[in-house]
C-alpha atoms as a PDB file:
ATOM      1  CA  MET A   1      -2.002   3.396 108.060  1.00  0.00           C
ATOM      2  CA  ARG A   2      -1.370   1.762 104.676  1.00  0.00           C
ATOM      3  CA  LYS A   3      -2.923  -1.458 105.952  1.00  0.00           C
ATOM      4  CA  ALA A   4      -6.062   0.336 107.109  1.00  0.00           C
ATOM      5  CA  ASN A   5      -6.509   2.043 103.742  1.00  0.00           C
ATOM      6  CA  SER A   6      -6.153  -1.302 101.976  1.00  0.00           C
ATOM      7  CA  SER A   7      -8.796  -2.816 104.219  1.00  0.00           C
ATOM      8  CA  ARG A   8     -11.243  -0.040 103.425  1.00  0.00           C
ATOM      9  CA  GLU A   9     -10.609  -0.477  99.694  1.00  0.00           C
ATOM     10  CA  ASP A  10     -11.123  -4.220 100.044  1.00  0.00           C
ATOM     11  CA  SER A  11     -14.382  -3.619 101.901  1.00  0.00           C
ATOM     12  CA  LYS A  12     -15.653  -1.317  99.166  1.00  0.00           C
ATOM     13  CA  TRP A  13     -15.149  -3.991  96.529  1.00  0.00           C
ATOM     14  CA  SER A  14     -16.783  -6.634  98.752  1.00  0.00           C
ATOM     15  CA  THR A  15     -19.917  -4.574  99.314  1.00  0.00           C
ATOM     16  CA  LEU A  16     -20.201  -3.100  95.836  1.00  0.00           C
ATOM     17  CA  ASP A  17     -23.650  -3.620  94.330  1.00  0.00           C
ATOM     18  CA  ARG A  18     -23.663  -6.800  92.241  1.00  0.00           C
ATOM     19  CA  ASN A  19     -25.278  -5.152  89.242  1.00  0.00           C
ATOM     20  CA  ILE A  20     -22.612  -2.444  89.186  1.00  0.00           C
ATOM     21  CA  LEU A  21     -19.868  -5.036  89.485  1.00  0.00           C
ATOM     22  CA  ALA A  22     -21.476  -7.073  86.696  1.00  0.00           C
ATOM     23  CA  THR A  23     -21.374  -3.968  84.495  1.00  0.00           C
ATOM     24  CA  ILE A  24     -17.644  -3.730  85.159  1.00  0.00           C
ATOM     25  CA  PHE A  25     -17.147  -7.434  84.427  1.00  0.00           C
ATOM     26  CA  ASP A  26     -18.979  -6.974  81.148  1.00  0.00           C
ATOM     27  CA  LYS A  27     -15.971  -4.987  79.886  1.00  0.00           C
ATOM     28  CA  LEU A  28     -13.789  -8.086  80.275  1.00  0.00           C
ATOM     29  CA  ASP A  29     -13.474 -10.968  77.829  1.00  0.00           C
ATOM     30  CA  MET A  30     -14.369 -14.592  78.494  1.00  0.00           C
ATOM     31  CA  MET A  31     -10.922 -15.585  79.730  1.00  0.00           C
ATOM     32  CA  ASP A  32     -10.694 -12.569  82.052  1.00  0.00           C
ATOM     33  CA  ILE A  33     -13.923 -13.570  83.793  1.00  0.00           C
ATOM     34  CA  THR A  34     -13.549 -17.345  83.930  1.00  0.00           C
ATOM     35  CA  MET A  35      -9.856 -17.563  84.800  1.00  0.00           C
ATOM     36  CA  GLY A  36      -9.476 -14.298  86.698  1.00  0.00           C
ATOM     37  CA  ALA A  37     -12.387 -12.359  88.189  1.00  0.00           C
ATOM     38  CA  SER A  38     -14.541 -15.355  89.170  1.00  0.00           C
ATOM     39  CA  ARG A  39     -11.682 -16.781  91.263  1.00  0.00           C
ATOM     40  CA  VAL A  40     -10.946 -13.698  93.366  1.00  0.00           C
ATOM     41  CA  CYS A  41     -13.533 -14.186  96.136  1.00  0.00           C
ATOM     42  CA  ILE A  42     -17.013 -15.608  96.751  1.00  0.00           C
ATOM     43  CA  HIS A  43     -18.657 -12.228  96.057  1.00  0.00           C
ATOM     44  CA  TRP A  44     -17.012 -11.945  92.636  1.00  0.00           C
ATOM     45  CA  PHE A  45     -17.731 -15.612  91.968  1.00  0.00           C
ATOM     46  CA  LEU A  46     -21.458 -15.033  92.506  1.00  0.00           C
ATOM     47  CA  VAL A  47     -21.422 -11.911  90.337  1.00  0.00           C
ATOM     48  CA  SER A  48     -19.749 -13.955  87.588  1.00  0.00           C
ATOM     49  CA  HIS A  49     -22.974 -15.982  87.277  1.00  0.00           C
ATOM     50  CA  ASN A  50     -24.983 -12.918  86.194  1.00  0.00           C
ATOM     51  CA  LYS A  51     -26.868 -13.921  83.030  1.00  0.00           C
ATOM     52  CA  LEU A  52     -26.243 -10.568  81.380  1.00  0.00           C
ATOM     53  CA  LEU A  53     -22.525 -11.384  81.208  1.00  0.00           C
ATOM     54  CA  TRP A  54     -23.154 -14.523  79.194  1.00  0.00           C
ATOM     55  CA  GLU A  55     -25.735 -13.542  76.612  1.00  0.00           C
ATOM     56  CA  THR A  56     -22.891 -13.352  74.071  1.00  0.00           C
ATOM     57  CA  ILE A  57     -19.895 -15.699  74.054  1.00  0.00           C
ATOM     58  CA  ASP A  58     -17.341 -13.995  71.802  1.00  0.00           C
ATOM     59  CA  LEU A  59     -14.165 -16.035  71.294  1.00  0.00           C
ATOM     60  CA  THR A  60     -13.055 -14.176  68.177  1.00  0.00           C
ATOM     61  CA  ARG A  61     -10.702 -11.784  69.947  1.00  0.00           C
ATOM     62  CA  LEU A  62      -8.630 -14.424  71.696  1.00  0.00           C
ATOM     63  CA  LYS A  63      -5.384 -15.547  70.103  1.00  0.00           C
ATOM     64  CA  HIS A  64      -4.823 -19.105  68.882  1.00  0.00           C
ATOM     65  CA  LYS A  65      -1.494 -20.817  69.400  1.00  0.00           C
ATOM     66  CA  GLY A  66      -1.536 -24.109  67.521  1.00  0.00           C
ATOM     67  CA  LYS A  67      -4.708 -26.178  67.317  1.00  0.00           C
ATOM     68  CA  ASN A  68      -7.282 -24.943  69.804  1.00  0.00           C
ATOM     69  CA  VAL A  69      -4.893 -23.479  72.346  1.00  0.00           C
ATOM     70  CA  LEU A  70      -5.989 -19.977  73.329  1.00  0.00           C
ATOM     71  CA  TYR A  71      -3.741 -17.483  75.014  1.00  0.00           C
ATOM     72  CA  LYS A  72      -3.413 -13.864  76.042  1.00  0.00           C
ATOM     73  CA  TYR A  73      -0.407 -11.679  76.739  1.00  0.00           C
ATOM     74  CA  ARG A  74       0.580 -11.375  80.380  1.00  0.00           C
ATOM     75  CA  VAL A  75      -0.673  -8.385  82.317  1.00  0.00           C
ATOM     76  CA  ASP A  76       2.022  -5.749  82.682  1.00  0.00           C
ATOM     77  CA  LYS A  77       3.675  -6.049  86.098  1.00  0.00           C
ATOM     78  CA  GLU A  78       3.430  -2.272  86.504  1.00  0.00           C
ATOM     79  CA  ALA A  79      -0.347  -2.656  86.615  1.00  0.00           C
ATOM     80  CA  LEU A  80       0.050  -4.043  90.134  1.00  0.00           C
ATOM     81  CA  SER A  81       1.818  -0.931  91.407  1.00  0.00           C
ATOM     82  CA  PHE A  82      -0.997   1.564  90.810  1.00  0.00           C
ATOM     83  CA  SER A  83      -1.644   3.369  94.087  1.00  0.00           C
ATOM     84  CA  ASN A  84      -5.413   3.284  93.672  1.00  0.00           C
ATOM     85  CA  LEU A  85      -5.618  -0.446  92.907  1.00  0.00           C
ATOM     86  CA  SER A  86      -7.564  -2.376  95.548  1.00  0.00           C
ATOM     87  CA  ILE A  87      -6.507  -5.666  97.090  1.00  0.00           C
ATOM     88  CA  LYS A  88      -9.160  -7.546  95.148  1.00  0.00           C
ATOM     89  CA  MET A  89      -8.142  -6.029  91.836  1.00  0.00           C
ATOM     90  CA  SER A  90      -4.575  -7.029  92.659  1.00  0.00           C
ATOM     91  CA  ARG A  91      -5.757 -10.580  93.236  1.00  0.00           C
ATOM     92  CA  PHE A  92      -7.555 -10.517  89.890  1.00  0.00           C
ATOM     93  CA  PHE A  93      -4.393  -9.543  88.047  1.00  0.00           C
ATOM     94  CA  PHE A  94      -2.374 -12.084  90.032  1.00  0.00           C
ATOM     95  CA  ASN A  95      -4.786 -14.891  89.169  1.00  0.00           C
ATOM     96  CA  PHE A  96      -4.879 -13.937  85.524  1.00  0.00           C
ATOM     97  CA  ARG A  97      -1.098 -13.562  85.147  1.00  0.00           C
ATOM     98  CA  ARG A  98      -0.760 -17.251  85.945  1.00  0.00           C
ATOM     99  CA  VAL A  99      -2.927 -18.174  82.958  1.00  0.00           C
ATOM    100  CA  LYS A 100      -0.828 -18.090  79.805  1.00  0.00           C
ATOM    101  CA  ARG A 101      -2.825 -20.450  77.657  1.00  0.00           C
ATOM    102  CA  ILE A 102      -5.791 -22.782  77.813  1.00  0.00           C
ATOM    103  CA  LYS A 103      -7.319 -25.345  75.472  1.00  0.00           C
ATOM    104  CA  LEU A 104     -10.519 -24.275  73.756  1.00  0.00           C
ATOM    105  CA  LYS A 105     -12.457 -27.199  75.212  1.00  0.00           C
ATOM    106  CA  ASN A 106     -11.314 -26.364  78.761  1.00  0.00           C
ATOM    107  CA  LEU A 107     -12.271 -22.716  78.329  1.00  0.00           C
ATOM    108  CA  ILE A 108     -15.724 -23.713  77.092  1.00  0.00           C
ATOM    109  CA  VAL A 109     -16.148 -25.963  80.137  1.00  0.00           C
ATOM    110  CA  GLU A 110     -15.248 -23.071  82.444  1.00  0.00           C
ATOM    111  CA  ILE A 111     -17.652 -20.760  80.606  1.00  0.00           C
ATOM    112  CA  THR A 112     -20.585 -23.163  80.921  1.00  0.00           C
ATOM    113  CA  LYS A 113     -20.008 -23.487  84.670  1.00  0.00           C
ATOM    114  CA  LEU A 114     -20.833 -19.793  85.002  1.00  0.00           C
ATOM    115  CA  SER A 115     -23.183 -19.179  82.086  1.00  0.00           C
ATOM    116  CA  ARG A 116     -25.439 -22.226  82.435  1.00  0.00           C
ATOM    117  CA  THR A 117     -27.933 -22.042  79.540  1.00  0.00           C
ATOM    118  CA  ALA A 118     -27.864 -18.232  79.240  1.00  0.00           C
ATOM    119  CA  PRO A 119     -25.880 -17.785  75.938  1.00  0.00           C
ATOM    120  CA  ARG A 120     -27.918 -16.534  72.983  1.00  0.00           C
ATOM    121  CA  ASN A 121     -24.990 -15.558  70.737  1.00  0.00           C
ATOM    122  CA  VAL A 122     -21.855 -17.684  70.266  1.00  0.00           C
ATOM    123  CA  PHE A 123     -19.007 -16.571  67.994  1.00  0.00           C
ATOM    124  CA  PHE A 124     -16.016 -18.867  67.480  1.00  0.00           C
ATOM    125  CA  ASN A 125     -12.600 -17.713  66.341  1.00  0.00           C
ATOM    126  CA  PHE A 126     -12.054 -18.401  62.637  1.00  0.00           C
ATOM    127  CA  ASN A 127      -8.950 -20.431  63.526  1.00  0.00           C
ATOM    128  CA  SER A 128     -10.829 -22.707  65.923  1.00  0.00           C
ATOM    129  CA  TYR A 129     -10.054 -26.298  65.003  1.00  0.00           C
ATOM    130  CA  LEU A 130     -13.290 -27.673  66.393  1.00  0.00           C
ATOM    131  CA  GLN A 131     -13.559 -31.356  67.222  1.00  0.00           C
ATOM    132  CA  LYS A 132     -16.806 -33.314  67.425  1.00  0.00           C
ATOM    133  CA  GLU A 133     -16.589 -33.355  71.237  1.00  0.00           C
ATOM    134  CA  ASP A 134     -16.390 -29.550  71.307  1.00  0.00           C
ATOM    135  CA  LEU A 135     -19.392 -29.123  69.029  1.00  0.00           C
ATOM    136  CA  MET A 136     -21.550 -31.614  70.922  1.00  0.00           C
ATOM    137  CA  PHE A 137     -20.592 -30.158  74.303  1.00  0.00           C
ATOM    138  CA  VAL A 138     -21.526 -26.622  73.234  1.00  0.00           C
ATOM    139  CA  ALA A 139     -24.827 -27.833  71.767  1.00  0.00           C
ATOM    140  CA  GLU A 140     -25.749 -29.742  74.911  1.00  0.00           C
ATOM    141  CA  ARG A 141     -24.782 -26.995  77.375  1.00  0.00           C
ATOM    142  CA  MET A 142     -25.936 -24.010  75.276  1.00  0.00           C
ATOM    143  CA  PRO A 143     -29.255 -25.089  73.713  1.00  0.00           C
ATOM    144  CA  ASN A 144     -30.737 -21.575  73.442  1.00  0.00           C
ATOM    145  CA  ILE A 145     -28.358 -20.151  70.844  1.00  0.00           C
ATOM    146  CA  GLU A 146     -30.023 -17.746  68.406  1.00  0.00           C
ATOM    147  CA  LYS A 147     -26.948 -16.429  66.578  1.00  0.00           C
ATOM    148  CA  LEU A 148     -23.947 -18.620  65.784  1.00  0.00           C
ATOM    149  CA  ALA A 149     -20.660 -18.015  63.962  1.00  0.00           C
ATOM    150  CA  LEU A 150     -19.174 -21.434  63.259  1.00  0.00           C
ATOM    151  CA  PRO A 151     -16.029 -22.254  61.269  1.00  0.00           C
ATOM    152  CA  VAL A 152     -16.246 -25.771  59.849  1.00  0.00           C
ATOM    153  CA  PRO A 153     -12.798 -27.377  59.500  1.00  0.00           C
ATOM    154  CA  LEU A 154     -12.241 -30.712  57.810  1.00  0.00           C
ATOM    155  CA  SER A 155     -12.119 -32.303  61.264  1.00  0.00           C
ATOM    156  CA  LEU A 156     -15.926 -32.043  61.328  1.00  0.00           C
ATOM    157  CA  ARG A 157     -16.563 -33.152  57.763  1.00  0.00           C
ATOM    158  CA  ASN A 158     -16.627 -36.838  58.667  1.00  0.00           C
ATOM    159  CA  GLU A 159     -18.564 -36.303  61.891  1.00  0.00           C
ATOM    160  CA  LYS A 160     -22.060 -36.208  60.457  1.00  0.00           C
ATOM    161  CA  ASN A 161     -23.740 -37.600  63.558  1.00  0.00           C
ATOM    162  CA  SER A 162     -22.233 -34.961  65.841  1.00  0.00           C
ATOM    163  CA  PHE A 163     -23.161 -32.201  63.408  1.00  0.00           C
ATOM    164  CA  ARG A 164     -26.715 -33.517  63.221  1.00  0.00           C
ATOM    165  CA  PHE A 165     -26.936 -33.761  67.019  1.00  0.00           C
ATOM    166  CA  ALA A 166     -25.643 -30.216  67.528  1.00  0.00           C
ATOM    167  CA  PHE A 167     -28.134 -28.510  65.221  1.00  0.00           C
ATOM    168  CA  SER A 168     -30.994 -30.623  66.523  1.00  0.00           C
ATOM    169  CA  GLN A 169     -30.432 -28.845  69.865  1.00  0.00           C
ATOM    170  CA  TRP A 170     -30.536 -25.347  68.384  1.00  0.00           C
ATOM    171  CA  LYS A 171     -34.230 -25.022  67.632  1.00  0.00           C
ATOM    172  CA  ASN A 172     -34.131 -21.270  68.301  1.00  0.00           C
ATOM    173  CA  LEU A 173     -31.330 -20.545  65.825  1.00  0.00           C
ATOM    174  CA  LYS A 174     -32.182 -17.484  63.731  1.00  0.00           C
ATOM    175  CA  THR A 175     -28.805 -16.355  62.367  1.00  0.00           C
ATOM    176  CA  LEU A 176     -25.959 -18.580  61.199  1.00  0.00           C
ATOM    177  CA  VAL A 177     -22.517 -17.750  59.813  1.00  0.00           C
ATOM    178  CA  MET A 178     -20.523 -20.702  58.475  1.00  0.00           C
ATOM    179  CA  ALA A 179     -17.138 -20.675  56.773  1.00  0.00           C
ATOM    180  CA  TYR A 180     -14.693 -23.215  55.429  1.00  0.00           C
ATOM    181  CA  ASN A 181     -10.999 -22.521  55.174  1.00  0.00           C
ATOM    182  CA  GLU A 182     -10.426 -25.545  52.966  1.00  0.00           C
ATOM    183  CA  PHE A 183     -11.847 -26.374  49.520  1.00  0.00           C
ATOM    184  CA  THR A 184     -15.127 -28.170  50.109  1.00  0.00           C
ATOM    185  CA  TRP A 185     -18.888 -27.851  49.691  1.00  0.00           C
ATOM    186  CA  PHE A 186     -21.705 -27.109  52.111  1.00  0.00           C
ATOM    187  CA  SER A 187     -24.548 -29.393  50.951  1.00  0.00           C
ATOM    188  CA  PHE A 188     -24.615 -31.831  53.858  1.00  0.00           C
ATOM    189  CA  GLU A 189     -24.427 -29.121  56.532  1.00  0.00           C
ATOM    190  CA  ILE A 190     -27.070 -27.022  54.781  1.00  0.00           C
ATOM    191  CA  ARG A 191     -29.467 -29.964  54.713  1.00  0.00           C
ATOM    192  CA  ILE A 192     -28.942 -30.681  58.415  1.00  0.00           C
ATOM    193  CA  VAL A 193     -29.457 -27.006  59.312  1.00  0.00           C
ATOM    194  CA  GLY A 194     -32.622 -26.840  57.217  1.00  0.00           C
ATOM    195  CA  GLU A 195     -34.061 -29.999  58.755  1.00  0.00           C
ATOM    196  CA  SER A 196     -33.340 -28.853  62.319  1.00  0.00           C
ATOM    197  CA  CYS A 197     -33.682 -25.057  62.401  1.00  0.00           C
ATOM    198  CA  SER A 198     -37.042 -23.915  61.074  1.00  0.00           C
ATOM    199  CA  ASN A 199     -36.593 -20.417  62.544  1.00  0.00           C
ATOM    200  CA  LEU A 200     -33.429 -19.617  60.574  1.00  0.00           C
ATOM    201  CA  ASN A 201     -33.869 -16.305  58.745  1.00  0.00           C
ATOM    202  CA  ASN A 202     -30.312 -15.060  58.245  1.00  0.00           C
ATOM    203  CA  LEU A 203     -27.500 -17.075  56.689  1.00  0.00           C
ATOM    204  CA  LYS A 204     -23.938 -16.271  55.697  1.00  0.00           C
ATOM    205  CA  LEU A 205     -21.710 -18.779  53.901  1.00  0.00           C
ATOM    206  CA  MET A 206     -18.040 -18.201  53.155  1.00  0.00           C
ATOM    207  CA  GLY A 207     -16.263 -20.666  50.888  1.00  0.00           C
ATOM    208  CA  ASP A 208     -16.724 -22.388  47.548  1.00  0.00           C
ATOM    209  CA  LEU A 209     -20.367 -23.021  46.706  1.00  0.00           C
ATOM    210  CA  GLY A 210     -21.350 -25.331  43.883  1.00  0.00           C
ATOM    211  CA  ASN A 211     -24.692 -25.289  42.119  1.00  0.00           C
ATOM    212  CA  ASP A 212     -25.632 -28.343  44.164  1.00  0.00           C
ATOM    213  CA  ASP A 213     -25.209 -26.221  47.278  1.00  0.00           C
ATOM    214  CA  ALA A 214     -27.547 -23.586  45.824  1.00  0.00           C
ATOM    215  CA  GLU A 215     -30.146 -26.265  45.087  1.00  0.00           C
ATOM    216  CA  THR A 216     -29.848 -27.566  48.652  1.00  0.00           C
ATOM    217  CA  ILE A 217     -30.337 -24.063  50.074  1.00  0.00           C
ATOM    218  CA  VAL A 218     -33.469 -23.598  47.977  1.00  0.00           C
ATOM    219  CA  HIS A 219     -34.819 -26.996  48.986  1.00  0.00           C
ATOM    220  CA  TYR A 220     -34.172 -26.827  52.737  1.00  0.00           C
ATOM    221  CA  LEU A 221     -34.003 -23.128  53.681  1.00  0.00           C
ATOM    222  CA  GLN A 222     -37.121 -21.480  52.324  1.00  0.00           C
ATOM    223  CA  SER A 223     -37.438 -19.410  55.501  1.00  0.00           C
ATOM    224  CA  LEU A 224     -34.388 -17.292  54.594  1.00  0.00           C
ATOM    225  CA  THR A 225     -34.967 -13.555  54.258  1.00  0.00           C
ATOM    226  CA  ARG A 226     -31.295 -12.474  54.270  1.00  0.00           C
ATOM    227  CA  LEU A 227     -28.457 -14.358  52.602  1.00  0.00           C
ATOM    228  CA  SER A 228     -24.813 -13.337  52.356  1.00  0.00           C
ATOM    229  CA  LEU A 229     -22.255 -15.098  50.175  1.00  0.00           C
ATOM    230  CA  ARG A 230     -19.678 -12.407  50.913  1.00  0.00           C
ATOM    231  CA  CYS A 231     -16.155 -13.357  49.734  1.00  0.00           C
ATOM    232  CA  SER A 232     -17.315 -16.726  48.362  1.00  0.00           C
ATOM    233  CA  LEU A 233     -16.859 -18.419  44.999  1.00  0.00           C
ATOM    234  CA  ILE A 234     -20.051 -19.361  43.143  1.00  0.00           C
ATOM    235  CA  ASP A 235     -21.361 -19.882  39.626  1.00  0.00           C
ATOM    236  CA  VAL A 236     -23.744 -17.255  38.257  1.00  0.00           C
ATOM    237  CA  GLU A 237     -26.316 -19.983  37.586  1.00  0.00           C
ATOM    238  CA  GLY A 238     -26.269 -20.752  41.304  1.00  0.00           C
ATOM    239  CA  VAL A 239     -26.916 -17.075  42.051  1.00  0.00           C
ATOM    240  CA  LEU A 240     -29.937 -17.055  39.743  1.00  0.00           C
ATOM    241  CA  LEU A 241     -31.224 -20.246  41.327  1.00  0.00           C
ATOM    242  CA  LEU A 242     -31.070 -18.668  44.775  1.00  0.00           C
ATOM    243  CA  ILE A 243     -32.795 -15.455  43.703  1.00  0.00           C
ATOM    244  CA  ARG A 244     -35.590 -17.237  41.867  1.00  0.00           C
ATOM    245  CA  GLY A 245     -35.966 -20.205  44.206  1.00  0.00           C
ATOM    246  CA  LEU A 246     -35.996 -18.643  47.687  1.00  0.00           C
ATOM    247  CA  ARG A 247     -39.546 -17.350  48.032  1.00  0.00           C
ATOM    248  CA  ASN A 248     -38.938 -15.167  51.099  1.00  0.00           C
ATOM    249  CA  LEU A 249     -35.487 -13.845  50.223  1.00  0.00           C
ATOM    250  CA  ALA A 250     -35.341 -10.036  50.498  1.00  0.00           C
ATOM    251  CA  ILE A 251     -31.618  -9.216  50.664  1.00  0.00           C
ATOM    252  CA  LEU A 252     -28.702 -10.944  48.921  1.00  0.00           C
ATOM    253  CA  ASN A 253     -25.094  -9.900  49.531  1.00  0.00           C
ATOM    254  CA  LEU A 254     -22.589 -10.771  46.774  1.00  0.00           C
ATOM    255  CA  THR A 255     -19.808  -8.369  47.726  1.00  0.00           C
ATOM    256  CA  HIS A 256     -16.212  -9.496  47.165  1.00  0.00           C
ATOM    257  CA  CYS A 257     -17.337 -12.743  45.513  1.00  0.00           C
ATOM    258  CA  VAL A 258     -15.789 -14.572  42.611  1.00  0.00           C
ATOM    259  CA  ILE A 259     -18.820 -15.313  40.419  1.00  0.00           C
ATOM    260  CA  LEU A 260     -18.091 -17.554  37.465  1.00  0.00           C
ATOM    261  CA  GLY A 261     -19.817 -16.327  34.308  1.00  0.00           C
ATOM    262  CA  TRP A 262     -20.880 -13.065  35.985  1.00  0.00           C
ATOM    263  CA  TYR A 263     -20.222 -10.715  33.072  1.00  0.00           C
ATOM    264  CA  LEU A 264     -21.929 -13.042  30.611  1.00  0.00           C
ATOM    265  CA  MET A 265     -25.179 -13.113  32.573  1.00  0.00           C
ATOM    266  CA  ILE A 266     -25.086  -9.947  34.686  1.00  0.00           C
ATOM    267  CA  ASN A 267     -28.190  -8.574  32.993  1.00  0.00           C
ATOM    268  CA  ASP A 268     -30.134 -11.724  33.875  1.00  0.00           C
ATOM    269  CA  VAL A 269     -29.067 -11.421  37.525  1.00  0.00           C
ATOM    270  CA  VAL A 270     -29.995  -7.733  37.725  1.00  0.00           C
ATOM    271  CA  GLN A 271     -33.372  -8.378  36.124  1.00  0.00           C
ATOM    272  CA  ALA A 272     -34.155 -11.294  38.432  1.00  0.00           C
ATOM    273  CA  ALA A 273     -33.043  -9.319  41.495  1.00  0.00           C
ATOM    274  CA  THR A 274     -35.095  -6.270  40.486  1.00  0.00           C
ATOM    275  CA  GLN A 275     -38.234  -8.377  40.111  1.00  0.00           C
ATOM    276  CA  LYS A 276     -37.774 -10.360  43.305  1.00  0.00           C
ATOM    277  CA  LEU A 277     -35.477  -8.787  45.918  1.00  0.00           C
ATOM    278  CA  ASP A 278     -35.647  -5.670  48.044  1.00  0.00           C
ATOM    279  CA  LYS A 279     -31.874  -5.306  47.798  1.00  0.00           C
ATOM    280  CA  LEU A 280     -28.977  -6.854  45.881  1.00  0.00           C
ATOM    281  CA  ILE A 281     -25.598  -5.849  47.327  1.00  0.00           C
ATOM    282  CA  THR A 282     -22.488  -5.990  45.123  1.00  0.00           C
ATOM    283  CA  CYS A 283     -19.100  -4.288  45.088  1.00  0.00           C
ATOM    284  CA  ALA A 284     -19.467  -0.622  44.194  1.00  0.00           C
ATOM    285  CA  GLU A 285     -16.342  -0.488  42.050  1.00  0.00           C
ATOM    286  CA  ASP A 286     -14.422  -2.797  39.749  1.00  0.00           C
ATOM    287  CA  ASP A 287     -11.200  -2.034  41.629  1.00  0.00           C
ATOM    288  CA  CYS A 288     -12.508  -3.044  45.050  1.00  0.00           C
ATOM    289  CA  SER A 289      -9.663  -3.053  47.592  1.00  0.00           C
ATOM    290  CA  VAL A 290     -11.102  -6.055  49.454  1.00  0.00           C
ATOM    291  CA  CYS A 291     -11.332  -8.130  46.272  1.00  0.00           C
ATOM    292  CA  GLU A 292      -7.758  -7.202  45.394  1.00  0.00           C
ATOM    293  CA  ASP A 293      -6.644  -8.724  48.698  1.00  0.00           C
ATOM    294  CA  ARG A 294      -7.786 -12.214  47.666  1.00  0.00           C
ATOM    295  CA  PRO A 295      -4.468 -13.299  46.059  1.00  0.00           C
ATOM    296  CA  SER A 296      -2.875 -13.283  49.530  1.00  0.00           C
ATOM    297  CA  GLY A 297      -4.521 -16.665  50.114  1.00  0.00           C
ATOM    298  CA  GLU A 298      -8.035 -17.948  50.742  1.00  0.00           C
ATOM    299  CA  HIS A 299      -7.445 -18.743  54.421  1.00  0.00           C
ATOM    300  CA  ASN A 300      -6.150 -15.269  55.282  1.00  0.00           C
ATOM    301  CA  PHE A 301      -8.790 -13.675  53.060  1.00  0.00           C
ATOM    302  CA  TYR A 302     -11.635 -15.438  54.873  1.00  0.00           C
ATOM    303  CA  ARG A 303     -10.085 -14.811  58.289  1.00  0.00           C
ATOM    304  CA  LYS A 304      -9.853 -11.053  57.664  1.00  0.00           C
ATOM    305  CA  ASN A 305     -13.482 -10.869  56.513  1.00  0.00           C
ATOM    306  CA  TRP A 306     -14.968 -13.352  58.979  1.00  0.00           C
ATOM    307  CA  ARG A 307     -16.702 -10.805  61.206  1.00  0.00           C
ATOM    308  CA  ASN A 308     -17.774  -8.182  58.660  1.00  0.00           C
ATOM    309  CA  ASP A 309     -20.843  -7.984  56.487  1.00  0.00           C
ATOM    310  CA  GLU A 310     -22.938  -5.375  54.672  1.00  0.00           C
ATOM    311  CA  ILE A 311     -26.036  -7.000  56.194  1.00  0.00           C
ATOM    312  CA  LYS A 312     -26.012  -5.812  59.808  1.00  0.00           C
ATOM    313  CA  GLU A 313     -27.775  -8.928  61.135  1.00  0.00           C
ATOM    314  CA  LEU A 314     -24.822 -11.008  59.923  1.00  0.00           C
ATOM    315  CA  GLU A 315     -22.082  -8.937  61.543  1.00  0.00           C
ATOM    316  CA  PHE A 316     -20.625  -9.972  64.876  1.00  0.00           C
END
């Protein structure tokens, strides 16, 4: 009798409408689908190709162990003993329990096998130690990206050709979030983005921005309407240059920034913003709890604030 009940449960999962099953799969993360659900049976494998599952590739919630090794905690063994768990769900958990960790590059390869060119939004984990091969592979296999969250480690700083190639593929890019977790400047990357991505309207930079970076933004990114420098370090003269120089800029976010010379020229900034912008966003109080967290270290500070922003288009 137990065997017959199991067969009926198995049959229900096999004949379940693909759109309904895709809705269920959509609750899983990238590793669940690629390394677990897609390997259960041919029916689940076909459902795993549904484009709706791959519109957003969100790698931010996966854990990093060392450089570019992603992992998840094992599924609780008790999960396999639920009386209402079907044979196919048991197979899913069994497949997934064997996967403890996987290299970022290998996970991306598995994702592209199922997603094809469907991804429109790609969000990397802040701790991703991207190599030039990773960046070029993503650009080549996911050319239709419109929103991208990309940490830029020093490993990419000397790979100008790969950076140029990647952004030359992303002609549809509209929203970009870039962050550095080491002391450096953005000028080269900004120029490449500006030369390649004429549709870019929303930009968020996290790091240390010099006045040269501000000049580069003004020169190459005149299409910007929303700019966030949330949690960055910048000179007040650079802020004024951005406000006055970006013709289409409507919203500027300066929350939780360290702005050199801010109190000496705050009236100039407010006046320029009032004349030009629809909205200037700053910390509401002098004793901002987020700003007080900065002494814990720049890397941890940026990591904690990587996904958040007061401009909704720049959240992910």
